C-alpha atoms as a PDB file:
ATOM      1  CA  MET A   1     161.806  63.844 102.790  1.00  0.00           C
ATOM      2  CA  TRP A   2     158.953  61.388 102.141  1.00  0.00           C
ATOM      3  CA  LYS A   3     157.126  62.823 105.088  1.00  0.00           C
ATOM      4  CA  GLN A   4     157.283  66.329 103.560  1.00  0.00           C
ATOM      5  CA  PHE A   5     156.169  64.962 100.210  1.00  0.00           C
ATOM      6  CA  TYR A   6     153.303  63.097 101.891  1.00  0.00           C
ATOM      7  CA  GLU A   7     152.240  66.264 103.787  1.00  0.00           C
ATOM      8  CA  ALA A   8     152.393  68.328 100.594  1.00  0.00           C
ATOM      9  CA  VAL A   9     150.250  65.811  98.666  1.00  0.00           C
ATOM     10  CA  LYS A  10     147.865  65.591 101.610  1.00  0.00           C
ATOM     11  CA  GLN A  11     147.603  69.408 101.692  1.00  0.00           C
ATOM     12  CA  ILE A  12     146.994  69.542  97.924  1.00  0.00           C
ATOM     13  CA  LEU A  13     144.230  66.919  98.139  1.00  0.00           C
ATOM     14  CA  LEU A  14     142.638  68.750 101.062  1.00  0.00           C
ATOM     15  CA  LEU A  15     142.745  72.027  99.124  1.00  0.00           C
ATOM     16  CA  ILE A  16     141.227  70.336  96.054  1.00  0.00           C
ATOM     17  CA  HIS A  17     138.407  68.945  98.215  1.00  0.00           C
ATOM     18  CA  LYS A  18     137.764  72.330  99.852  1.00  0.00           C
ATOM     19  CA  THR A  19     137.833  74.042  96.459  1.00  0.00           C
ATOM     20  CA  GLU A  20     135.138  71.670  95.173  1.00  0.00           C
ATOM     21  CA  GLN A  21     133.036  72.296  98.284  1.00  0.00           C
ATOM     22  CA  HIS A  22     133.400  76.036  97.805  1.00  0.00           C
ATOM     23  CA  ARG A  23     132.383  75.755  94.148  1.00  0.00           C
ATOM     24  CA  GLU A  24     129.232  73.867  95.124  1.00  0.00           C
ATOM     25  CA  GLU A  25     128.454  76.393  97.850  1.00  0.00           C
ATOM     26  CA  ILE A  26     128.976  79.246  95.386  1.00  0.00           C
ATOM     27  CA  LYS A  27     126.558  77.602  92.926  1.00  0.00           C
ATOM     28  CA  GLU A  28     123.956  77.207  95.691  1.00  0.00           C
ATOM     29  CA  LEU A  29     124.440  80.809  96.776  1.00  0.00           C
ATOM     30  CA  GLN A  30     124.106  82.020  93.191  1.00  0.00           C
ATOM     31  CA  GLN A  31     120.851  80.101  92.891  1.00  0.00           C
ATOM     32  CA  GLN A  32     119.627  81.627  96.153  1.00  0.00           C
ATOM     33  CA  VAL A  33     120.565  85.101  94.922  1.00  0.00           C
ATOM     34  CA  ARG A  34     118.609  84.496  91.704  1.00  0.00           C
ATOM     35  CA  GLY A  35     115.616  83.369  93.752  1.00  0.00           C
ATOM     36  CA  LEU A  36     115.864  86.390  96.029  1.00  0.00           C
ATOM     37  CA  ALA A  37     116.194  88.729  93.052  1.00  0.00           C
ATOM     38  CA  SER A  38     113.081  87.182  91.528  1.00  0.00           C
ATOM     39  CA  ALA A  39     111.190  87.494  94.816  1.00  0.00           C
ATOM     40  CA  LEU A  40     112.334  91.096  95.149  1.00  0.00           C
ATOM     41  CA  GLU A  41     111.073  91.840  91.643  1.00  0.00           C
ATOM     42  CA  ARG A  42     107.670  90.342  92.469  1.00  0.00           C
ATOM     43  CA  LEU A  43     107.582  92.278  95.733  1.00  0.00           C
ATOM     44  CA  ALA A  44     108.422  95.553  93.973  1.00  0.00           C
ATOM     45  CA  TYR A  45     105.649  94.853  91.460  1.00  0.00           C
ATOM     46  CA  GLU A  46     103.144  94.172  94.247  1.00  0.00           C
ATOM     47  CA  VAL A  47     104.193  97.296  96.165  1.00  0.00           C
ATOM     48  CA  HIS A  48     103.698  99.347  93.007  1.00  0.00           C
ATOM     49  CA  ARG A  49     100.310  97.732  92.386  1.00  0.00           C
ATOM     50  CA  VAL A  50      99.160  98.337  95.968  1.00  0.00           C
ATOM     51  CA  SER A  51     100.408 101.918  95.782  1.00  0.00           C
ATOM     52  CA  GLU A  52      98.320 102.482  92.665  1.00  0.00           C
ATOM     53  CA  LYS A  53      95.291 100.947  94.390  1.00  0.00           C
ATOM     54  CA  VAL A  54      95.762 103.234  97.399  1.00  0.00           C
ATOM     55  CA  ASP A  55      96.063 106.269  95.119  1.00  0.00           C
ATOM     56  CA  HIS A  56      92.939 105.218  93.248  1.00  0.00           C
ATOM     57  CA  ALA A  57      91.015 104.633  96.484  1.00  0.00           C
ATOM     58  CA  SER A  58      92.155 108.003  97.792  1.00  0.00           C
ATOM     59  CA  GLU A  59      90.935 109.711  94.629  1.00  0.00           C
ATOM     60  CA  ASN A  60      87.606 107.869  94.857  1.00  0.00           C
ATOM     61  CA  GLU A  61      87.184 108.901  98.485  1.00  0.00           C
ATOM     62  CA  ALA A  62      87.931 112.526  97.603  1.00  0.00           C
ATOM     63  CA  HIS A  63      85.297 112.382  94.854  1.00  0.00           C
ATOM     64  CA  GLU A  64      82.803 110.813  97.258  1.00  0.00           C
ATOM     65  CA  ARG A  65      83.443 113.543  99.848  1.00  0.00           C
ATOM     66  CA  GLU A  66      82.982 116.176  97.175  1.00  0.00           C
ATOM     67  CA  LYS A  67      79.708 114.576  96.045  1.00  0.00           C
ATOM     68  CA  LEU A  68      78.458 114.426  99.640  1.00  0.00           C
ATOM     69  CA  ALA A  69      79.334 118.089 100.178  1.00  0.00           C
ATOM     70  CA  LEU A  70      77.476 119.018  96.986  1.00  0.00           C
ATOM     71  CA  ARG A  71      74.448 116.947  98.034  1.00  0.00           C
ATOM     72  CA  LEU A  72      74.445 118.649 101.423  1.00  0.00           C
ATOM     73  CA  GLU A  73      74.686 122.061  99.794  1.00  0.00           C
ATOM     74  CA  ASN A  74      71.860 121.105  97.419  1.00  0.00           C
ATOM     75  CA  GLU A  75      69.635 119.967 100.290  1.00  0.00           C
ATOM     76  CA  LEU A  76      70.365 123.153 102.234  1.00  0.00           C
ATOM     77  CA  LEU A  77      69.423 125.246  99.217  1.00  0.00           C
ATOM     78  CA  LYS A  78      66.196 123.249  98.796  1.00  0.00           C
ATOM     79  CA  PHE A  79      65.425 123.690 102.493  1.00  0.00           C
ATOM     80  CA  GLU A  80      66.027 127.442 102.334  1.00  0.00           C
ATOM     81  CA  ARG A  81      63.589 127.764  99.431  1.00  0.00           C
ATOM     82  CA  ARG A  82      60.855 125.992 101.448  1.00  0.00           C
ATOM     83  CA  LEU A  83      61.009 128.403 104.362  1.00  0.00           C
ATOM     84  CA  PRO A  84      58.426 131.157 104.318  1.00  0.00           C
ATOM     85  CA  PRO A  85      59.886 134.588 103.943  1.00  0.00           C
ATOM     86  CA  ALA A  86      60.903 136.147 107.205  1.00  0.00           C
ATOM     87  CA  ARG A  87      58.259 138.519 108.479  1.00  0.00           C
ATOM     88  CA  LYS A  88      59.219 141.933 109.553  1.00  0.00           C
ATOM     89  CA  ASP A  89      58.054 142.998 112.978  1.00  0.00           C
ATOM     90  CA  ASN A  90      56.189 146.283 112.890  1.00  0.00           C
ATOM     91  CA  PRO A  91      56.729 148.328 116.028  1.00  0.00           C
ATOM     92  CA  GLU A  92      53.148 149.586 115.642  1.00  0.00           C
ATOM     93  CA  ASP A  93      51.659 146.062 115.851  1.00  0.00           C
ATOM     94  CA  LYS A  94      53.190 145.337 119.221  1.00  0.00           C
ATOM     95  CA  ASP A  95      50.940 147.671 121.157  1.00  0.00           C
END
């Protein structure tokens, strides 16, 4: 009978000890989860910021390409105005 009582008390003390360990582990895990949630928030913010930068850079590059195309067109128009008018070949002049 005392042996059963001793085993029961021993089991209760062991369970109390394990329960305390689990509580401490749960607190640590909760703290880790908070830290990870905070890091995830910062990461989401940075991803959003980088995405906006990429969009902005893409728009700038499109504007630059458009400006270059317009400059090229402008230079071609200037060049065409400099050329002398095309002369017409007279069939009578060839002889």
